[in-house]
Amino acid sequence: MALTLRYLCPVRRRRSFAHLINEGILEDFAREKSISLAYPTTRFYDALHEDKPALRAPPAPPKPPTDG
């Protein structure tokens, strides 16, 4: 989740204001029993094995043997 905020503050205090706002948001989330924060995760999707059977591509026909 990404939040974008716009706020007015004195130029030389921008970073301290941003810090206070971020801390306030995190503290409010910590108080909520129904919200959990997690680390970023990545999931790889293998359509061949995980997709619905009707959506899978048909298997390739076997190759004929070659005389060699």
Protein backbone atom coordinates (compact mmCIF):
# COMPACT_ATOMS: atom_id res chain seq x y z
CA MET A 1 0.00 0.00 0.00
CA ALA A 2 1.29 3.44 -0.82
CA LEU A 3 -0.11 6.63 0.64
CA THR A 4 0.43 10.01 -0.97
CA LEU A 5 -0.18 13.08 1.16
CA ARG A 6 -0.07 16.76 0.46
CA TYR A 7 0.44 19.16 3.30
CA LEU A 8 1.74 22.65 3.88
CA CYS A 9 4.62 23.28 6.23
CA PRO A 10 7.58 25.62 6.66
CA VAL A 11 10.24 24.81 4.06
CA ARG A 12 13.03 24.17 6.54
CA ARG A 13 10.84 21.79 8.57
CA ARG A 14 9.63 19.53 5.75
CA ARG A 15 11.56 16.46 6.89
CA SER A 16 10.52 16.77 10.51
CA PHE A 17 6.88 17.19 9.46
CA ALA A 18 7.11 14.12 7.18
CA HIS A 19 8.63 12.14 10.06
CA LEU A 20 5.88 13.19 12.47
CA ILE A 21 3.16 12.32 9.96
CA ASN A 22 4.70 8.89 9.19
CA GLU A 23 5.09 8.11 12.87
CA GLY A 24 1.49 9.15 13.54
CA ILE A 25 0.16 6.92 10.78
CA LEU A 26 2.20 3.92 12.00
CA GLU A 27 1.07 4.49 15.59
CA ASP A 28 -2.58 4.65 14.47
CA PHE A 29 -2.17 1.40 12.51
CA ALA A 30 -0.54 -0.24 15.56
CA ARG A 31 -3.61 0.59 17.66
CA GLU A 32 -5.97 -1.11 15.19
CA LYS A 33 -6.53 -4.76 16.05
CA SER A 34 -7.76 -5.64 12.53
CA ILE A 35 -4.70 -4.30 10.66
CA SER A 36 -1.40 -6.15 10.32
CA LEU A 37 1.65 -4.88 8.50
CA ALA A 38 3.84 -7.35 6.63
CA TYR A 39 7.14 -7.25 4.86
CA PRO A 40 7.05 -6.94 1.06
CA THR A 41 6.66 -10.33 -0.58
CA THR A 42 7.02 -11.69 -4.09
CA ARG A 43 5.08 -14.59 -5.52
CA PHE A 44 5.92 -16.36 -8.75
CA TYR A 45 3.00 -17.75 -10.71
CA ASP A 46 3.47 -20.95 -12.74
CA ALA A 47 0.49 -21.08 -15.11
CA LEU A 48 1.40 -24.57 -16.30
CA HIS A 49 0.83 -26.02 -12.84
CA GLU A 50 -1.35 -23.46 -11.08
CA ASP A 51 -3.77 -22.25 -13.74
CA LYS A 52 -7.25 -23.66 -14.26
CA PRO A 53 -7.12 -26.75 -16.49
CA ALA A 54 -9.45 -25.18 -19.07
CA LEU A 55 -7.04 -22.26 -19.52
CA ARG A 56 -3.88 -24.33 -19.88
CA ALA A 57 -2.32 -24.74 -23.29
CA PRO A 58 -2.62 -28.26 -24.65
CA PRO A 59 0.54 -30.34 -24.29
CA ALA A 60 2.84 -30.43 -27.30
CA PRO A 61 2.60 -33.61 -29.36
CA PRO A 62 5.51 -36.01 -28.95
CA LYS A 63 8.32 -35.65 -31.45
CA PRO A 64 8.67 -38.53 -33.91
CA PRO A 65 11.84 -40.58 -33.52
CA THR A 66 14.62 -39.69 -35.89
CA ASP A 67 16.76 -42.27 -37.66
CA GLY A 68 20.31 -41.51 -37.14
